[in-house]
Amino acid sequence: MHSYAIKLSAGIEARGFLFGPSIALAIGAKFVPLCKPRKLPGKVISEDYELEYGTDCLEMHIDAVKPGELAVVIDDLVATGGTLSAAIKLLECRGAEVVECACVIGLPDVKGQSRLNGKPLYMLVEPREMEHGCSDV
């Protein structure tokens, strides 16, 4: 990740909750949970999105971000990019500026990064082809 003055780390339910708070703590930012429907108390906004196998929705507290705050979005896996794209839309509709996304595993053959509107995507692990045609992480 770059040394922007990132003010929030948004973690996507559920495994994004494992990494997002630690990243927020390390960079001195707040953590914002992005959850499946009906899991957050109070007023929320939502964003529907398509997955490779159907549809889903993310929700965020309506007052979780302030206009102009720089954000990083954290998830465990990026495949089609639908979940990360929905997270970006949620944060940006409330005025935050998403400067980058990070995930543990990326599946580059699925081309999910193309749905991130040019946002940098950092992946800790990418599968690679082995000599005999099998895939190995």
N, C-alpha and C. Protein backbone atom coordinates (compact mmCIF):
# COMPACT_ATOMS: atom_id res chain seq x y z
N MET A 1 0.83 -1.18 0.00
CA MET A 1 0.00 0.00 0.00
C MET A 1 0.88 1.25 0.00
N HIS A 2 0.35 2.29 -0.56
CA HIS A 2 1.08 3.55 -0.62
C HIS A 2 0.94 4.33 0.67
N SER A 3 1.70 5.39 0.80
CA SER A 3 1.68 6.20 2.01
C SER A 3 0.73 7.38 1.87
N TYR A 4 -0.46 7.15 1.35
CA TYR A 4 -1.49 8.18 1.35
C TYR A 4 -1.89 8.43 2.80
N ALA A 5 -2.59 9.50 3.05
CA ALA A 5 -3.12 9.76 4.39
C ALA A 5 -4.46 9.03 4.51
N ILE A 6 -4.42 7.71 4.45
CA ILE A 6 -5.63 6.89 4.49
C ILE A 6 -6.28 7.05 5.86
N LYS A 7 -7.56 7.36 5.85
CA LYS A 7 -8.32 7.59 7.08
C LYS A 7 -9.20 6.42 7.47
N LEU A 8 -9.45 5.48 6.53
CA LEU A 8 -10.28 4.35 6.88
C LEU A 8 -9.92 3.10 6.09
N SER A 9 -10.07 2.00 6.80
CA SER A 9 -9.88 0.67 6.23
C SER A 9 -11.25 0.01 6.25
N ALA A 10 -11.79 -0.30 5.08
CA ALA A 10 -13.12 -0.92 4.99
C ALA A 10 -12.94 -2.41 4.73
N GLY A 11 -13.44 -3.23 5.64
CA GLY A 11 -13.33 -4.67 5.52
C GLY A 11 -14.64 -5.29 5.11
N ILE A 12 -14.58 -6.17 4.11
CA ILE A 12 -15.78 -6.83 3.59
C ILE A 12 -16.02 -8.12 4.38
N GLU A 13 -17.26 -8.29 4.84
CA GLU A 13 -17.65 -9.47 5.60
C GLU A 13 -17.35 -10.75 4.81
N ALA A 14 -16.85 -11.75 5.43
CA ALA A 14 -16.48 -11.84 6.82
C ALA A 14 -14.97 -11.83 6.98
N ARG A 15 -14.25 -12.41 6.04
CA ARG A 15 -12.80 -12.51 6.22
C ARG A 15 -12.09 -11.16 6.11
N GLY A 16 -12.71 -10.18 5.49
CA GLY A 16 -12.15 -8.84 5.49
C GLY A 16 -12.10 -8.26 6.89
N PHE A 17 -12.91 -8.83 7.80
CA PHE A 17 -12.90 -8.40 9.20
C PHE A 17 -11.65 -8.90 9.92
N LEU A 18 -11.01 -9.93 9.40
CA LEU A 18 -9.77 -10.43 10.01
C LEU A 18 -8.60 -9.50 9.72
N PHE A 19 -8.56 -8.95 8.52
CA PHE A 19 -7.42 -8.15 8.08
C PHE A 19 -7.65 -6.65 8.18
N GLY A 20 -8.86 -6.19 7.93
CA GLY A 20 -9.16 -4.76 7.92
C GLY A 20 -8.85 -4.04 9.22
N PRO A 21 -9.26 -4.57 10.39
CA PRO A 21 -8.95 -3.87 11.64
C PRO A 21 -7.45 -3.80 11.93
N SER A 22 -6.72 -4.85 11.60
CA SER A 22 -5.26 -4.84 11.82
C SER A 22 -4.59 -3.79 10.96
N ILE A 23 -5.04 -3.68 9.72
CA ILE A 23 -4.47 -2.67 8.82
C ILE A 23 -4.83 -1.28 9.34
N ALA A 24 -6.08 -1.11 9.77
CA ALA A 24 -6.49 0.20 10.32
C ALA A 24 -5.63 0.58 11.51
N LEU A 25 -5.40 -0.35 12.40
CA LEU A 25 -4.58 -0.09 13.58
C LEU A 25 -3.15 0.27 13.19
N ALA A 26 -2.60 -0.46 12.22
CA ALA A 26 -1.22 -0.23 11.80
C ALA A 26 -1.01 1.14 11.16
N ILE A 27 -2.03 1.65 10.47
CA ILE A 27 -1.86 2.92 9.77
C ILE A 27 -2.56 4.09 10.49
N GLY A 28 -3.12 3.82 11.65
CA GLY A 28 -3.78 4.89 12.41
C GLY A 28 -5.09 5.35 11.82
N ALA A 29 -5.83 4.42 11.21
CA ALA A 29 -7.11 4.75 10.58
C ALA A 29 -8.25 4.07 11.33
N LYS A 30 -9.48 4.46 10.99
CA LYS A 30 -10.62 3.78 11.57
C LYS A 30 -11.00 2.58 10.71
N PHE A 31 -11.72 1.63 11.30
CA PHE A 31 -12.21 0.47 10.57
C PHE A 31 -13.70 0.62 10.30
N VAL A 32 -14.10 0.34 9.06
CA VAL A 32 -15.50 0.40 8.67
C VAL A 32 -15.91 -0.98 8.15
N PRO A 33 -16.84 -1.65 8.84
CA PRO A 33 -17.30 -2.95 8.36
C PRO A 33 -18.33 -2.80 7.24
N LEU A 34 -18.18 -3.59 6.21
CA LEU A 34 -19.15 -3.67 5.11
C LEU A 34 -19.77 -5.05 5.21
N CYS A 35 -21.08 -5.10 5.51
CA CYS A 35 -21.72 -6.35 5.90
C CYS A 35 -22.80 -6.81 4.93
N LYS A 36 -23.15 -8.07 5.08
CA LYS A 36 -24.30 -8.65 4.39
C LYS A 36 -25.55 -8.00 4.98
N PRO A 37 -26.69 -8.08 4.27
CA PRO A 37 -27.91 -7.39 4.72
C PRO A 37 -28.38 -7.79 6.13
N ARG A 38 -28.93 -6.79 6.83
CA ARG A 38 -29.59 -6.93 8.13
C ARG A 38 -28.66 -7.38 9.25
N LYS A 39 -27.38 -7.08 9.16
CA LYS A 39 -26.45 -7.44 10.23
C LYS A 39 -25.96 -6.23 11.03
N LEU A 40 -26.14 -5.03 10.47
CA LEU A 40 -25.71 -3.82 11.17
C LEU A 40 -26.91 -3.14 11.82
N PRO A 41 -26.74 -2.64 13.04
CA PRO A 41 -27.83 -1.89 13.67
C PRO A 41 -27.89 -0.47 13.10
N GLY A 42 -29.01 0.18 13.29
CA GLY A 42 -29.14 1.58 12.87
C GLY A 42 -29.38 1.74 11.39
N LYS A 43 -29.23 3.00 10.94
CA LYS A 43 -29.46 3.32 9.53
C LYS A 43 -28.28 2.89 8.67
N VAL A 44 -28.59 2.26 7.55
CA VAL A 44 -27.56 1.79 6.64
C VAL A 44 -27.91 2.18 5.21
N ILE A 45 -26.89 2.16 4.36
CA ILE A 45 -27.10 2.25 2.92
C ILE A 45 -26.63 0.93 2.35
N SER A 46 -27.13 0.59 1.16
CA SER A 46 -26.79 -0.71 0.60
C SER A 46 -26.45 -0.60 -0.88
N GLU A 47 -25.75 -1.61 -1.35
CA GLU A 47 -25.36 -1.70 -2.76
C GLU A 47 -25.51 -3.16 -3.19
N ASP A 48 -26.40 -3.40 -4.16
CA ASP A 48 -26.55 -4.74 -4.73
C ASP A 48 -25.47 -4.97 -5.77
N TYR A 49 -25.07 -6.22 -5.94
CA TYR A 49 -24.06 -6.54 -6.94
C TYR A 49 -24.22 -7.98 -7.42
N GLU A 50 -23.64 -8.24 -8.57
CA GLU A 50 -23.70 -9.57 -9.17
C GLU A 50 -22.44 -10.35 -8.89
N LEU A 51 -22.64 -11.62 -8.60
CA LEU A 51 -21.56 -12.58 -8.41
C LEU A 51 -21.57 -13.55 -9.59
N GLU A 52 -20.55 -14.38 -9.67
CA GLU A 52 -20.51 -15.36 -10.75
C GLU A 52 -21.63 -16.39 -10.60
N TYR A 53 -22.25 -16.48 -9.42
CA TYR A 53 -23.28 -17.48 -9.16
C TYR A 53 -24.60 -16.89 -8.68
N GLY A 54 -24.79 -15.59 -8.81
CA GLY A 54 -26.04 -14.97 -8.38
C GLY A 54 -25.85 -13.51 -8.02
N THR A 55 -26.63 -13.04 -7.05
CA THR A 55 -26.54 -11.65 -6.61
C THR A 55 -26.38 -11.60 -5.10
N ASP A 56 -25.91 -10.47 -4.60
CA ASP A 56 -25.76 -10.26 -3.17
C ASP A 56 -25.85 -8.77 -2.89
N CYS A 57 -25.62 -8.39 -1.65
CA CYS A 57 -25.75 -7.00 -1.24
C CYS A 57 -24.77 -6.72 -0.11
N LEU A 58 -24.22 -5.53 -0.09
CA LEU A 58 -23.39 -5.06 1.02
C LEU A 58 -24.07 -3.86 1.66
N GLU A 59 -23.92 -3.74 2.98
CA GLU A 59 -24.45 -2.59 3.70
C GLU A 59 -23.36 -1.93 4.54
N MET A 60 -23.56 -0.63 4.79
CA MET A 60 -22.63 0.16 5.58
C MET A 60 -23.45 1.17 6.38
N HIS A 61 -22.99 1.48 7.60
CA HIS A 61 -23.66 2.53 8.37
C HIS A 61 -23.66 3.82 7.55
N ILE A 62 -24.76 4.52 7.58
CA ILE A 62 -24.92 5.73 6.77
C ILE A 62 -23.92 6.82 7.15
N ASP A 63 -23.47 6.83 8.40
CA ASP A 63 -22.54 7.86 8.85
C ASP A 63 -21.12 7.33 9.08
N ALA A 64 -20.78 6.23 8.44
CA ALA A 64 -19.47 5.60 8.67
C ALA A 64 -18.31 6.37 8.06
N VAL A 65 -18.57 7.13 7.01
CA VAL A 65 -17.47 7.87 6.36
C VAL A 65 -17.85 9.34 6.22
N LYS A 66 -16.82 10.14 6.10
CA LYS A 66 -17.00 11.57 5.88
C LYS A 66 -16.49 11.91 4.48
N PRO A 67 -17.10 12.91 3.85
CA PRO A 67 -16.63 13.31 2.52
C PRO A 67 -15.14 13.65 2.54
N GLY A 68 -14.43 13.16 1.54
CA GLY A 68 -13.01 13.44 1.40
C GLY A 68 -12.09 12.46 2.09
N GLU A 69 -12.61 11.57 2.92
CA GLU A 69 -11.74 10.60 3.58
C GLU A 69 -11.17 9.62 2.57
N LEU A 70 -9.88 9.36 2.69
CA LEU A 70 -9.23 8.38 1.82
C LEU A 70 -9.40 7.00 2.43
N ALA A 71 -9.71 6.02 1.56
CA ALA A 71 -10.04 4.68 2.04
C ALA A 71 -9.29 3.60 1.28
N VAL A 72 -9.06 2.49 1.98
CA VAL A 72 -8.57 1.26 1.37
C VAL A 72 -9.62 0.19 1.66
N VAL A 73 -9.91 -0.66 0.66
CA VAL A 73 -10.89 -1.72 0.82
C VAL A 73 -10.15 -3.05 0.93
N ILE A 74 -10.52 -3.84 1.95
CA ILE A 74 -9.84 -5.10 2.24
C ILE A 74 -10.82 -6.27 2.10
N ASP A 75 -10.40 -7.31 1.38
CA ASP A 75 -11.19 -8.54 1.26
C ASP A 75 -10.24 -9.73 1.22
N ASP A 76 -10.81 -10.92 1.27
CA ASP A 76 -9.97 -12.12 1.25
C ASP A 76 -9.63 -12.57 -0.15
N LEU A 77 -10.58 -12.43 -1.09
CA LEU A 77 -10.42 -12.98 -2.43
C LEU A 77 -11.02 -12.05 -3.46
N VAL A 78 -10.35 -11.90 -4.58
CA VAL A 78 -10.97 -11.20 -5.70
C VAL A 78 -11.03 -12.16 -6.88
N ALA A 79 -12.24 -12.32 -7.41
CA ALA A 79 -12.44 -13.16 -8.59
C ALA A 79 -13.06 -12.27 -9.67
N THR A 80 -14.38 -12.12 -9.65
CA THR A 80 -15.04 -11.29 -10.67
C THR A 80 -14.94 -9.80 -10.36
N GLY A 81 -14.62 -9.45 -9.12
CA GLY A 81 -14.53 -8.04 -8.73
C GLY A 81 -15.85 -7.43 -8.31
N GLY A 82 -16.93 -8.21 -8.31
CA GLY A 82 -18.25 -7.69 -7.96
C GLY A 82 -18.34 -7.15 -6.55
N THR A 83 -17.80 -7.88 -5.59
CA THR A 83 -17.86 -7.46 -4.19
C THR A 83 -17.03 -6.20 -3.96
N LEU A 84 -15.81 -6.19 -4.49
CA LEU A 84 -14.96 -4.99 -4.33
C LEU A 84 -15.59 -3.78 -5.02
N SER A 85 -16.17 -4.00 -6.19
CA SER A 85 -16.82 -2.91 -6.92
C SER A 85 -17.98 -2.33 -6.11
N ALA A 86 -18.79 -3.20 -5.49
CA ALA A 86 -19.90 -2.74 -4.66
C ALA A 86 -19.38 -1.97 -3.45
N ALA A 87 -18.29 -2.44 -2.85
CA ALA A 87 -17.70 -1.75 -1.71
C ALA A 87 -17.24 -0.34 -2.10
N ILE A 88 -16.59 -0.23 -3.23
CA ILE A 88 -16.12 1.07 -3.73
C ILE A 88 -17.31 2.01 -3.92
N LYS A 89 -18.38 1.51 -4.54
CA LYS A 89 -19.57 2.34 -4.78
C LYS A 89 -20.19 2.81 -3.46
N LEU A 90 -20.28 1.92 -2.48
CA LEU A 90 -20.84 2.30 -1.18
C LEU A 90 -20.05 3.43 -0.54
N LEU A 91 -18.75 3.27 -0.49
CA LEU A 91 -17.89 4.27 0.14
C LEU A 91 -17.92 5.60 -0.62
N GLU A 92 -17.84 5.52 -1.94
CA GLU A 92 -17.78 6.75 -2.74
C GLU A 92 -19.12 7.48 -2.80
N CYS A 93 -20.23 6.76 -2.65
CA CYS A 93 -21.52 7.47 -2.66
C CYS A 93 -21.69 8.32 -1.41
N ARG A 94 -20.93 8.04 -0.36
CA ARG A 94 -20.95 8.86 0.86
C ARG A 94 -19.81 9.87 0.90
N GLY A 95 -19.02 9.95 -0.20
CA GLY A 95 -18.01 10.99 -0.30
C GLY A 95 -16.59 10.55 -0.02
N ALA A 96 -16.37 9.29 0.37
CA ALA A 96 -15.00 8.82 0.58
C ALA A 96 -14.32 8.64 -0.78
N GLU A 97 -13.00 8.67 -0.76
CA GLU A 97 -12.23 8.42 -1.99
C GLU A 97 -11.43 7.13 -1.78
N VAL A 98 -11.82 6.08 -2.50
CA VAL A 98 -11.10 4.81 -2.41
C VAL A 98 -9.83 4.94 -3.23
N VAL A 99 -8.68 4.76 -2.57
CA VAL A 99 -7.41 4.94 -3.27
C VAL A 99 -6.77 3.61 -3.66
N GLU A 100 -7.17 2.51 -3.00
CA GLU A 100 -6.65 1.20 -3.38
C GLU A 100 -7.44 0.10 -2.71
N CYS A 101 -7.27 -1.11 -3.25
CA CYS A 101 -7.90 -2.30 -2.71
C CYS A 101 -6.81 -3.33 -2.44
N ALA A 102 -7.06 -4.19 -1.46
CA ALA A 102 -6.10 -5.24 -1.14
C ALA A 102 -6.85 -6.52 -0.80
N CYS A 103 -6.29 -7.64 -1.22
CA CYS A 103 -6.89 -8.92 -0.88
C CYS A 103 -5.79 -9.95 -0.66
N VAL A 104 -6.16 -11.04 -0.02
CA VAL A 104 -5.19 -12.09 0.26
C VAL A 104 -4.93 -12.90 -1.00
N ILE A 105 -6.00 -13.33 -1.68
CA ILE A 105 -5.87 -14.18 -2.87
C ILE A 105 -6.52 -13.50 -4.05
N GLY A 106 -5.84 -13.49 -5.17
CA GLY A 106 -6.38 -12.94 -6.40
C GLY A 106 -6.40 -14.00 -7.48
N LEU A 107 -7.47 -14.03 -8.25
CA LEU A 107 -7.58 -14.95 -9.38
C LEU A 107 -7.50 -14.12 -10.66
N PRO A 108 -6.29 -13.86 -11.15
CA PRO A 108 -6.13 -12.95 -12.28
C PRO A 108 -6.80 -13.42 -13.57
N ASP A 109 -6.98 -14.72 -13.75
CA ASP A 109 -7.63 -15.22 -14.96
C ASP A 109 -9.10 -14.81 -15.05
N VAL A 110 -9.72 -14.47 -13.93
CA VAL A 110 -11.12 -14.09 -13.92
C VAL A 110 -11.30 -12.60 -14.28
N LYS A 111 -10.23 -11.84 -14.20
CA LYS A 111 -10.22 -10.43 -14.61
C LYS A 111 -11.08 -9.51 -13.75
N GLY A 112 -11.17 -9.79 -12.46
CA GLY A 112 -11.96 -8.97 -11.55
C GLY A 112 -11.46 -7.56 -11.40
N GLN A 113 -10.18 -7.34 -11.63
CA GLN A 113 -9.61 -6.01 -11.47
C GLN A 113 -10.21 -5.02 -12.45
N SER A 114 -10.72 -5.50 -13.58
CA SER A 114 -11.30 -4.61 -14.58
C SER A 114 -12.55 -3.89 -14.07
N ARG A 115 -13.16 -4.37 -12.99
CA ARG A 115 -14.37 -3.75 -12.45
C ARG A 115 -14.07 -2.74 -11.35
N LEU A 116 -12.81 -2.44 -11.11
CA LEU A 116 -12.43 -1.56 -10.00
C LEU A 116 -12.18 -0.12 -10.43
N ASN A 117 -12.56 0.25 -11.63
CA ASN A 117 -12.44 1.63 -12.12
C ASN A 117 -11.04 2.20 -11.97
N GLY A 118 -10.04 1.38 -12.28
CA GLY A 118 -8.66 1.86 -12.25
C GLY A 118 -8.01 1.90 -10.88
N LYS A 119 -8.72 1.47 -9.84
CA LYS A 119 -8.13 1.46 -8.50
C LYS A 119 -7.03 0.40 -8.43
N PRO A 120 -5.90 0.70 -7.82
CA PRO A 120 -4.85 -0.31 -7.66
C PRO A 120 -5.36 -1.47 -6.81
N LEU A 121 -4.97 -2.68 -7.17
CA LEU A 121 -5.34 -3.88 -6.42
C LEU A 121 -4.07 -4.62 -6.04
N TYR A 122 -3.90 -4.84 -4.74
CA TYR A 122 -2.75 -5.57 -4.24
C TYR A 122 -3.19 -6.95 -3.78
N MET A 123 -2.50 -7.97 -4.26
CA MET A 123 -2.82 -9.35 -3.92
C MET A 123 -1.61 -9.99 -3.26
N LEU A 124 -1.84 -10.65 -2.13
CA LEU A 124 -0.78 -11.33 -1.42
C LEU A 124 -0.38 -12.62 -2.13
N VAL A 125 -1.36 -13.36 -2.64
CA VAL A 125 -1.12 -14.65 -3.29
C VAL A 125 -1.89 -14.70 -4.61
N GLU A 126 -1.21 -15.15 -5.66
CA GLU A 126 -1.85 -15.40 -6.95
C GLU A 126 -1.54 -16.83 -7.38
N PRO A 127 -2.56 -17.59 -7.81
CA PRO A 127 -2.29 -18.93 -8.31
C PRO A 127 -1.36 -18.86 -9.53
N ARG A 128 -0.58 -19.90 -9.71
CA ARG A 128 0.30 -19.95 -10.88
C ARG A 128 0.18 -21.31 -11.53
N GLU A 129 0.45 -21.36 -12.82
CA GLU A 129 0.41 -22.60 -13.58
C GLU A 129 1.66 -23.41 -13.30
N MET A 130 1.47 -24.72 -13.15
CA MET A 130 2.61 -25.61 -13.00
C MET A 130 2.88 -26.27 -14.35
N GLU A 131 4.03 -26.88 -14.50
CA GLU A 131 4.43 -27.48 -15.77
C GLU A 131 3.42 -28.48 -16.31
N HIS A 132 2.76 -29.23 -15.45
CA HIS A 132 1.89 -30.30 -15.90
C HIS A 132 0.43 -29.87 -16.00
N GLY A 133 0.17 -28.57 -16.04
CA GLY A 133 -1.16 -28.07 -16.24
C GLY A 133 -2.01 -27.94 -14.98
N CYS A 134 -1.48 -28.35 -13.85
CA CYS A 134 -2.22 -28.20 -12.60
C CYS A 134 -1.97 -26.80 -12.04
N SER A 135 -2.89 -26.38 -11.23
CA SER A 135 -2.74 -25.07 -10.62
C SER A 135 -2.25 -25.24 -9.19
N ASP A 136 -1.35 -24.37 -8.78
CA ASP A 136 -0.80 -24.41 -7.44
C ASP A 136 -0.80 -23.00 -6.88
N VAL A 137 -1.17 -22.87 -5.63
CA VAL A 137 -1.19 -21.54 -5.00
C VAL A 137 0.17 -21.23 -4.42
